[in-house]
Amino acid sequence: MRFSTVHERQTGFTLIELLVVIAIVLILIAIALPNFLTAQVRAKVARAKADMRTVRIVLESYFIDFGLYPDHATDTWHPSLLEVPSLTTPIEYLNAFPPDPFPRIEADIYSDPSSFGDGGYYRYYNAERWKSIYPELEQQGIVWFLMSNGPDGDIDVHDNAGDIGRDLLAGKTYMYYAPTNGARSSGDFIKTNKDYVL
């Protein structure tokens, strides 16, 4: 039979052991947190590309029914997908316009930003009206294009059909999003009827 005495040592963690465990946990958090944030950006990139593929199918369905692509708004320099009501009525090609997962970080200097909420909208252009002015579009066979702000939340591509046509013709990609420069690198996504995703 054994009796415990006050002289026996009690078991438990020492202060040093606790500090080591806390340091290890903090190191793991420091490693995991940036990866988690980049994973969120990568998920938004995937969502934006999926949305743009969906809108491409919708635009092609509209073309099959009417023989032309819907026109974009003419009263603003930055037309948005929201300004194409013919895609929701009278035939519901889309029941709701998908929001751009990358909202604008600054106010639109050409149009009233309050009309677009936080600016999380895809920009849609029917390039047919510019093909006589910008032959590069016709050379590339580009009839429409859809743009997203990209992870930096800024318009990096000038909203000018000719610039985009010339860049595509010349193979320039410096103003388009490229994940090889980091998940949060600058640049916009562009999808056209030729299925370029830049």
Protein backbone atom coordinates (compact mmCIF):
# COMPACT_ATOMS: atom_id res chain seq x y z
CA MET A 1 0.00 0.00 0.00
CA ARG A 2 1.39 3.39 -1.16
CA PHE A 3 0.66 6.75 0.38
CA SER A 4 1.29 9.94 -1.53
CA THR A 5 3.44 12.54 0.08
CA VAL A 6 3.74 16.23 -0.46
CA HIS A 7 7.25 15.71 -1.63
CA GLU A 8 6.19 13.84 -4.80
CA ARG A 9 6.37 15.92 -7.98
CA GLN A 10 3.04 16.79 -9.68
CA THR A 11 2.84 16.18 -13.43
CA GLY A 12 2.02 18.99 -15.90
CA PHE A 13 3.47 21.24 -18.58
CA THR A 14 6.26 23.64 -17.82
CA LEU A 15 6.22 27.21 -19.05
CA ILE A 16 8.94 26.41 -21.58
CA GLU A 17 6.94 23.52 -23.03
CA LEU A 18 3.85 25.73 -23.39
CA LEU A 19 5.87 28.46 -25.12
CA VAL A 20 7.32 25.92 -27.57
CA VAL A 21 3.84 24.60 -28.41
CA ILE A 22 2.50 28.16 -28.92
CA ALA A 23 5.47 29.01 -31.15
CA ILE A 24 4.87 25.91 -33.29
CA VAL A 25 1.14 26.76 -33.65
CA LEU A 26 1.98 30.34 -34.67
CA ILE A 27 4.47 29.11 -37.28
CA LEU A 28 1.84 26.77 -38.74
CA ILE A 29 -0.69 29.62 -38.89
CA ALA A 30 1.86 31.88 -40.59
CA ILE A 31 2.41 29.19 -43.24
CA ALA A 32 -1.26 28.31 -43.74
CA LEU A 33 -2.85 31.79 -43.76
CA PRO A 34 -1.32 33.07 -47.03
CA ASN A 35 -2.24 29.77 -48.70
CA PHE A 36 -5.80 30.13 -47.46
CA LEU A 37 -6.07 33.69 -48.81
CA THR A 38 -4.65 32.63 -52.19
CA ALA A 39 -7.10 29.72 -52.24
CA GLN A 40 -9.95 32.23 -51.90
CA VAL A 41 -8.62 34.24 -54.86
CA ARG A 42 -8.17 31.07 -56.92
CA ALA A 43 -11.77 30.07 -56.13
CA LYS A 44 -13.02 33.50 -57.29
CA VAL A 45 -10.94 33.22 -60.45
CA ALA A 46 -12.52 29.82 -61.17
CA ARG A 47 -15.97 31.25 -60.50
CA ALA A 48 -15.39 34.23 -62.82
CA LYS A 49 -14.22 31.95 -65.62
CA ALA A 50 -17.21 29.63 -65.10
CA ASP A 51 -19.61 32.60 -65.13
CA MET A 52 -18.06 33.85 -68.36
CA ARG A 53 -18.42 30.41 -69.96
CA THR A 54 -22.10 30.40 -68.93
CA VAL A 55 -22.66 33.85 -70.41
CA ARG A 56 -20.93 32.69 -73.62
CA ILE A 57 -23.46 29.84 -73.93
CA VAL A 58 -26.30 32.30 -73.27
CA LEU A 59 -25.03 34.72 -75.93
CA GLU A 60 -24.67 31.93 -78.47
CA SER A 61 -28.22 30.72 -77.68
CA TYR A 62 -29.46 34.27 -78.24
CA PHE A 63 -27.59 34.37 -81.57
CA ILE A 64 -29.18 31.09 -82.68
CA ASP A 65 -32.66 32.47 -81.92
CA PHE A 66 -32.27 35.97 -83.38
CA GLY A 67 -29.33 35.82 -85.79
CA LEU A 68 -27.40 38.55 -83.95
CA TYR A 69 -25.83 39.18 -80.58
CA PRO A 70 -27.52 41.50 -78.06
CA ASP A 71 -26.32 45.07 -78.14
CA HIS A 72 -24.74 46.75 -75.15
CA ALA A 73 -25.87 50.03 -73.62
CA THR A 74 -24.82 53.14 -75.51
CA ASP A 75 -25.14 55.72 -72.74
CA THR A 76 -22.02 54.77 -70.78
CA TRP A 77 -18.37 54.11 -71.55
CA HIS A 78 -18.41 51.00 -69.38
CA PRO A 79 -21.44 48.92 -70.39
CA SER A 80 -22.26 46.06 -68.08
CA LEU A 81 -24.00 42.75 -68.45
CA LEU A 82 -26.75 44.26 -66.28
CA GLU A 83 -27.57 46.59 -69.17
CA VAL A 84 -28.57 43.76 -71.51
CA PRO A 85 -32.24 43.22 -70.54
CA SER A 86 -32.90 41.19 -73.69
CA LEU A 87 -31.11 38.25 -72.01
CA THR A 88 -33.70 38.07 -69.22
CA THR A 89 -36.91 39.18 -70.98
CA PRO A 90 -39.08 38.17 -72.76
CA ILE A 91 -37.10 34.91 -73.11
CA GLU A 92 -35.22 34.04 -69.95
CA TYR A 93 -31.77 33.06 -71.17
CA LEU A 94 -30.48 34.02 -67.73
CA ASN A 95 -32.70 34.20 -64.66
CA ALA A 96 -30.22 36.59 -63.02
CA PHE A 97 -26.99 38.22 -64.09
CA PRO A 98 -24.01 36.74 -62.26
CA PRO A 99 -22.05 39.34 -60.28
CA ASP A 100 -18.34 39.74 -60.91
CA PRO A 101 -16.64 38.21 -57.84
CA PHE A 102 -14.05 41.00 -58.07
CA PRO A 103 -15.83 44.31 -57.35
CA ARG A 104 -14.34 47.62 -58.43
CA ILE A 105 -12.00 49.24 -55.93
CA GLU A 106 -12.65 52.78 -57.14
CA ALA A 107 -15.55 54.76 -58.54
CA ASP A 108 -16.25 54.64 -62.23
CA ILE A 109 -15.31 58.02 -63.66
CA TYR A 110 -17.57 57.63 -66.69
CA SER A 111 -20.81 56.46 -65.13
CA ASP A 112 -22.63 56.65 -61.85
CA PRO A 113 -21.17 53.85 -59.66
CA SER A 114 -24.22 53.89 -57.39
CA SER A 115 -26.28 52.35 -60.18
CA PHE A 116 -24.08 49.26 -60.04
CA GLY A 117 -23.86 48.79 -56.29
CA ASP A 118 -20.30 47.86 -55.41
CA GLY A 119 -19.24 47.72 -59.04
CA GLY A 120 -19.20 43.91 -59.08
CA TYR A 121 -20.49 43.54 -62.63
CA TYR A 122 -19.14 42.02 -65.82
CA ARG A 123 -18.61 44.43 -68.69
CA TYR A 124 -20.16 43.29 -71.98
CA TYR A 125 -19.48 44.78 -75.42
CA ASN A 126 -20.98 43.97 -78.78
CA ALA A 127 -18.02 44.68 -81.06
CA GLU A 128 -20.07 44.71 -84.27
CA ARG A 129 -20.52 48.47 -84.13
CA TRP A 130 -16.75 49.02 -84.08
CA LYS A 131 -15.59 46.59 -86.75
CA SER A 132 -15.55 49.24 -89.47
CA ILE A 133 -13.43 51.53 -87.26
CA TYR A 134 -11.16 48.80 -85.88
CA PRO A 135 -10.39 46.23 -88.59
CA GLU A 136 -8.33 44.25 -86.05
CA LEU A 137 -11.57 42.97 -84.54
CA GLU A 138 -12.79 41.66 -87.87
CA GLN A 139 -9.38 40.12 -88.60
CA GLN A 140 -9.64 38.24 -85.32
CA GLY A 141 -13.32 37.40 -85.90
CA ILE A 142 -14.27 39.03 -82.58
CA VAL A 143 -17.97 39.90 -82.41
CA TRP A 144 -18.40 40.40 -78.64
CA PHE A 145 -16.30 40.36 -75.53
CA LEU A 146 -16.95 40.08 -71.83
CA MET A 147 -14.61 41.45 -69.17
CA SER A 148 -14.05 41.03 -65.44
CA ASN A 149 -12.01 43.38 -63.24
CA GLY A 150 -9.71 40.60 -62.04
CA PRO A 151 -8.28 40.09 -58.53
CA ASP A 152 -6.85 43.60 -58.29
CA GLY A 153 -10.39 45.07 -58.63
CA ASP A 154 -9.20 47.62 -61.16
CA ILE A 155 -9.89 48.07 -64.87
CA ASP A 156 -6.52 47.27 -66.42
CA VAL A 157 -7.71 46.83 -70.01
CA HIS A 158 -8.90 50.02 -71.65
CA ASP A 159 -12.57 49.74 -72.53
CA ASN A 160 -11.78 50.16 -76.16
CA ALA A 161 -12.58 47.51 -78.72
CA GLY A 162 -9.73 48.60 -80.97
CA ASP A 163 -7.12 48.30 -78.22
CA ILE A 164 -8.32 44.82 -77.37
CA GLY A 165 -8.42 43.80 -81.03
CA ARG A 166 -4.91 45.13 -81.64
CA ASP A 167 -3.58 43.45 -78.49
CA LEU A 168 -5.09 40.10 -79.43
CA LEU A 169 -3.74 40.45 -82.96
CA ALA A 170 -0.26 41.30 -81.68
CA GLY A 171 -0.36 38.54 -79.03
CA LYS A 172 0.06 41.04 -76.18
CA THR A 173 -1.01 39.76 -72.78
CA TYR A 174 0.54 42.30 -70.42
CA MET A 175 -2.80 43.78 -69.33
CA TYR A 176 -4.60 40.46 -68.91
CA TYR A 177 -4.65 38.40 -65.73
CA ALA A 178 -1.97 35.73 -65.46
CA PRO A 179 -1.82 33.59 -62.29
CA THR A 180 1.86 32.93 -62.95
CA ASN A 181 2.52 36.42 -61.55
CA GLY A 182 0.78 35.53 -58.28
CA ALA A 183 -2.89 34.97 -57.46
CA ARG A 184 -3.43 38.67 -56.74
CA SER A 185 -1.59 39.98 -59.79
CA SER A 186 -3.13 42.73 -61.86
CA GLY A 187 -5.00 42.27 -65.11
CA ASP A 188 -8.52 41.61 -66.34
CA PHE A 189 -10.24 38.50 -67.66
CA ILE A 190 -11.51 38.74 -71.21
CA LYS A 191 -13.69 36.21 -72.97
CA THR A 192 -14.74 36.63 -76.58
CA ASN A 193 -16.85 34.70 -79.04
CA LYS A 194 -13.53 33.17 -80.17
CA ASP A 195 -13.27 31.74 -76.64
CA TYR A 196 -10.12 33.58 -75.60
CA VAL A 197 -9.71 33.56 -71.83
CA LEU A 198 -6.88 35.89 -70.95
